[in-house]
Amino acid sequence: MKEEIYKVYEILKSGGIILYPTDTVWGIGCDATNAEAVEKIYKLKQRTEKKAMICLVHNYGLLEKHVDNVPNVAYDILDLSVTPTTVIYDNPAGVAENLIAEDNTLAIRVVKHEFCEKLIRKLGKPLVSTSANISGDPTPKSFKEISEVILKGVDYIVNSQSETKNTKPSSIFKLSTSGSIKIIRE
C-alpha cells in the first residue's frame, strides 16, 4: 500500500485526477486546493460548477483547518454515525474556489477508510471525492460498473485489491453556524 500511496500522491501533487476506492463508492478525486484539477473533474463528469462536490479529510484537525467554525453538533453527528456521513459546513477556507458552493458552503466527510486516510495524511490537504460517473448517470455500485469514459478520463486508477464494502453514497447533513440542521440525503 505504501508504494501505491506514493504513486497517487505524486499524481495529485502534479495536478492529476484519480479514480479510487473510498468508504462509500468508487470516487474521482484530486487535491482539493488545486482549482485546475477540480476543473478537470467537472469536465470529466460533464457537471456544472454550480453543483458542488464533497471533500474528504482524515481527521478533525484537517476539518477544522478548512472550516471557519465547526459547530459542536457536527462532532455529535459524526461521532454517533454508524455509516459514512458528510456534513455541509458554512464558510470553508483554504480550498479551491470552484469547490465552494454559491451559498459559501462545502461538503466534507471525515473518512474512515485505510487507503484514503493514509493518502490524505501524506497529501496534507483535503481530497475531492465525487462518484465515478457522468453527471446524471447512476452511481456505479462496483468497479466493473464504471464507464469507459471515466476510466479513460482519469490520470490514474488506484490499484485496489478489494472492492469498496459500501455500495451507496454517504448520508449528507447541512449545518449552519446558526445551529440549524437539514438532512439532504439519508
Protein backbone atom coordinates (compact mmCIF):
# COMPACT_ATOMS: atom_id res chain seq x y z
CA MET A 1 0.00 0.00 0.00
CA LYS A 2 2.90 2.34 0.75
CA GLU A 3 4.14 2.32 -2.87
CA GLU A 4 0.61 2.88 -4.20
CA ILE A 5 0.09 5.86 -1.89
CA TYR A 6 3.37 7.38 -3.04
CA LYS A 7 2.40 6.95 -6.73
CA VAL A 8 -1.03 8.51 -6.14
CA TYR A 9 0.50 11.32 -4.07
CA GLU A 10 2.83 12.23 -6.96
CA ILE A 11 -0.11 12.32 -9.41
CA LEU A 12 -2.17 14.52 -7.08
CA LYS A 13 0.78 16.81 -6.37
CA SER A 14 1.21 17.39 -10.11
CA GLY A 15 -2.46 18.32 -10.59
CA GLY A 16 -3.74 14.94 -11.75
CA ILE A 17 -7.09 13.31 -11.10
CA ILE A 18 -7.55 9.79 -9.78
CA LEU A 19 -10.15 7.04 -9.59
CA TYR A 20 -10.03 5.47 -6.15
CA PRO A 21 -11.96 3.37 -3.60
CA THR A 22 -13.49 5.20 -0.64
CA ASP A 23 -15.55 4.32 2.42
CA THR A 24 -18.63 4.61 0.19
CA VAL A 25 -18.47 4.18 -3.60
CA TRP A 26 -15.59 4.49 -6.07
CA GLY A 27 -14.66 8.15 -6.39
CA ILE A 28 -12.95 10.57 -8.71
CA GLY A 29 -10.58 12.79 -6.78
CA CYS A 30 -7.89 15.43 -6.79
CA ASP A 31 -6.12 17.83 -4.45
CA ALA A 32 -8.98 20.00 -3.16
CA THR A 33 -6.74 23.08 -3.15
CA ASN A 34 -5.93 22.85 -6.88
CA ALA A 35 -8.58 24.72 -8.92
CA GLU A 36 -7.28 23.39 -12.26
CA ALA A 37 -7.52 19.78 -11.08
CA VAL A 38 -11.02 20.44 -9.73
CA GLU A 39 -11.98 21.86 -13.14
CA LYS A 40 -10.73 18.63 -14.82
CA ILE A 41 -13.18 16.64 -12.68
CA TYR A 42 -16.10 18.94 -13.54
CA LYS A 43 -15.27 18.49 -17.25
CA LEU A 44 -14.88 14.71 -17.00
CA LYS A 45 -18.19 14.35 -15.16
CA GLN A 46 -19.84 16.85 -17.53
CA ARG A 47 -21.05 18.61 -14.40
CA THR A 48 -21.74 22.28 -13.82
CA GLU A 49 -19.65 24.01 -11.19
CA LYS A 50 -22.91 25.09 -9.54
CA LYS A 51 -23.25 21.50 -8.30
CA ALA A 52 -20.56 21.29 -5.62
CA MET A 53 -18.51 18.21 -4.78
CA ILE A 54 -17.51 16.56 -1.50
CA CYS A 55 -14.08 16.74 0.11
CA LEU A 56 -12.55 14.06 2.30
CA VAL A 57 -10.34 14.72 5.33
CA HIS A 58 -8.70 12.13 7.56
CA ASN A 59 -9.29 13.71 10.97
CA TYR A 60 -10.93 16.56 12.88
CA GLY A 61 -7.71 18.62 12.76
CA LEU A 62 -7.81 18.86 8.96
CA LEU A 63 -11.56 19.52 9.09
CA GLU A 64 -11.02 22.43 11.49
CA LYS A 65 -8.28 23.82 9.25
CA HIS A 66 -10.74 24.12 6.34
CA VAL A 67 -13.94 25.22 8.11
CA ASP A 68 -14.09 28.64 9.75
CA ASN A 69 -16.20 27.43 12.69
CA VAL A 70 -17.18 23.77 13.08
CA PRO A 71 -20.47 23.72 15.04
CA ASN A 72 -20.35 21.47 18.12
CA VAL A 73 -23.32 19.47 16.82
CA ALA A 74 -21.15 18.35 13.88
CA TYR A 75 -18.95 16.35 16.25
CA ASP A 76 -22.03 14.73 17.79
CA ILE A 77 -23.38 13.76 14.36
CA LEU A 78 -20.02 12.37 13.24
CA ASP A 79 -19.32 10.53 16.49
CA LEU A 80 -22.77 8.90 16.54
CA SER A 81 -22.94 7.97 12.84
CA VAL A 82 -22.64 4.28 12.07
CA THR A 83 -22.43 4.84 8.29
CA PRO A 84 -20.30 7.30 6.29
CA THR A 85 -21.65 10.79 6.89
CA THR A 86 -20.91 14.00 5.03
CA VAL A 87 -21.62 17.38 6.59
CA ILE A 88 -22.08 20.63 4.68
CA TYR A 89 -20.39 23.50 6.53
CA ASP A 90 -20.63 27.28 6.22
CA ASN A 91 -17.55 29.39 5.48
CA PRO A 92 -14.98 26.90 4.14
CA ALA A 93 -11.37 28.04 3.86
CA GLY A 94 -8.19 27.04 2.08
CA VAL A 95 -9.74 25.03 -0.78
CA ALA A 96 -10.12 25.79 -4.48
CA GLU A 97 -12.75 28.49 -5.07
CA ASN A 98 -14.53 26.31 -7.67
CA LEU A 99 -15.26 23.73 -4.96
CA ILE A 100 -17.18 26.17 -2.79
CA ALA A 101 -20.94 26.29 -3.41
CA GLU A 102 -22.68 29.55 -4.29
CA ASP A 103 -24.00 29.82 -0.72
CA ASN A 104 -20.41 29.70 0.63
CA THR A 105 -20.63 26.11 1.89
CA LEU A 106 -18.58 22.96 1.42
CA ALA A 107 -19.44 19.30 1.98
CA ILE A 108 -16.75 17.46 3.95
CA ARG A 109 -16.55 13.87 5.19
CA VAL A 110 -14.11 12.61 7.80
CA VAL A 111 -13.30 9.38 6.01
CA LYS A 112 -12.89 6.02 7.72
CA HIS A 113 -11.02 4.06 5.06
CA GLU A 114 -7.40 2.99 5.49
CA PHE A 115 -6.19 3.86 1.98
CA CYS A 116 -7.93 7.26 1.96
CA GLU A 117 -6.74 8.14 5.45
CA LYS A 118 -3.11 7.36 4.59
CA LEU A 119 -3.30 9.19 1.26
CA ILE A 120 -4.83 12.33 2.79
CA ARG A 121 -2.28 12.26 5.62
CA LYS A 122 0.53 12.10 3.03
CA LEU A 123 -1.06 14.85 0.88
CA GLY A 124 -1.73 17.04 3.92
CA LYS A 125 -4.79 18.51 2.19
CA PRO A 126 -8.42 17.55 1.63
CA LEU A 127 -9.15 15.22 -1.26
CA VAL A 128 -12.05 15.79 -3.64
CA SER A 129 -14.45 12.85 -3.74
CA THR A 130 -17.26 12.61 -6.26
CA SER A 131 -18.94 9.47 -7.54
CA ALA A 132 -17.29 7.82 -10.56
CA ASN A 133 -20.00 8.57 -13.10
CA ILE A 134 -21.04 11.14 -15.67
CA SER A 135 -23.37 13.66 -14.03
CA GLY A 136 -26.95 12.39 -14.18
CA ASP A 137 -25.97 8.74 -14.71
CA PRO A 138 -26.48 6.17 -11.92
CA THR A 139 -23.74 5.87 -9.32
CA PRO A 140 -21.69 2.72 -10.02
CA LYS A 141 -22.05 0.17 -7.22
CA SER A 142 -18.81 -1.62 -8.15
CA PHE A 143 -15.64 -1.00 -10.14
CA LYS A 144 -16.93 -3.03 -13.10
CA GLU A 145 -19.90 -0.65 -13.47
CA ILE A 146 -17.66 2.40 -14.05
CA SER A 147 -17.94 3.68 -17.62
CA GLU A 148 -15.06 3.67 -20.11
CA VAL A 149 -15.31 7.48 -20.35
CA ILE A 150 -14.46 7.78 -16.66
CA LEU A 151 -11.78 5.05 -16.76
CA LYS A 152 -10.02 6.73 -19.69
CA GLY A 153 -10.56 10.26 -18.37
CA VAL A 154 -8.61 10.00 -15.13
CA ASP A 155 -4.84 10.25 -14.86
CA TYR A 156 -4.53 7.22 -12.60
CA ILE A 157 -6.66 4.33 -11.35
CA VAL A 158 -5.74 3.22 -7.86
CA ASN A 159 -4.75 -0.43 -7.77
CA SER A 160 -7.07 -1.75 -5.10
CA GLN A 161 -7.12 -5.40 -4.16
CA SER A 162 -10.63 -5.17 -2.80
CA GLU A 163 -13.95 -3.72 -3.80
CA THR A 164 -15.37 -0.94 -1.67
CA LYS A 165 -17.50 -2.51 1.04
CA ASN A 166 -20.28 0.05 0.90
CA THR A 167 -22.27 0.41 -2.32
CA LYS A 168 -24.13 3.61 -1.56
CA PRO A 169 -23.17 7.25 -1.14
CA SER A 170 -22.86 8.82 2.30
CA SER A 171 -25.63 10.47 4.29
CA ILE A 172 -25.48 14.25 3.98
CA PHE A 173 -26.41 16.80 6.64
CA LYS A 174 -26.30 20.57 6.18
CA LEU A 175 -25.35 22.57 9.27
CA SER A 176 -25.39 26.30 9.59
CA THR A 177 -23.50 28.42 12.06
CA SER A 178 -26.92 29.44 13.43
CA GLY A 179 -27.37 25.84 14.60
CA SER A 180 -29.96 24.59 12.11
CA ILE A 181 -29.63 21.02 10.76
CA LYS A 182 -31.12 19.83 7.48
CA ILE A 183 -30.97 16.27 6.15
CA ILE A 184 -30.01 16.37 2.46
CA ARG A 185 -29.55 12.62 1.84
CA GLU A 186 -30.17 9.68 4.17
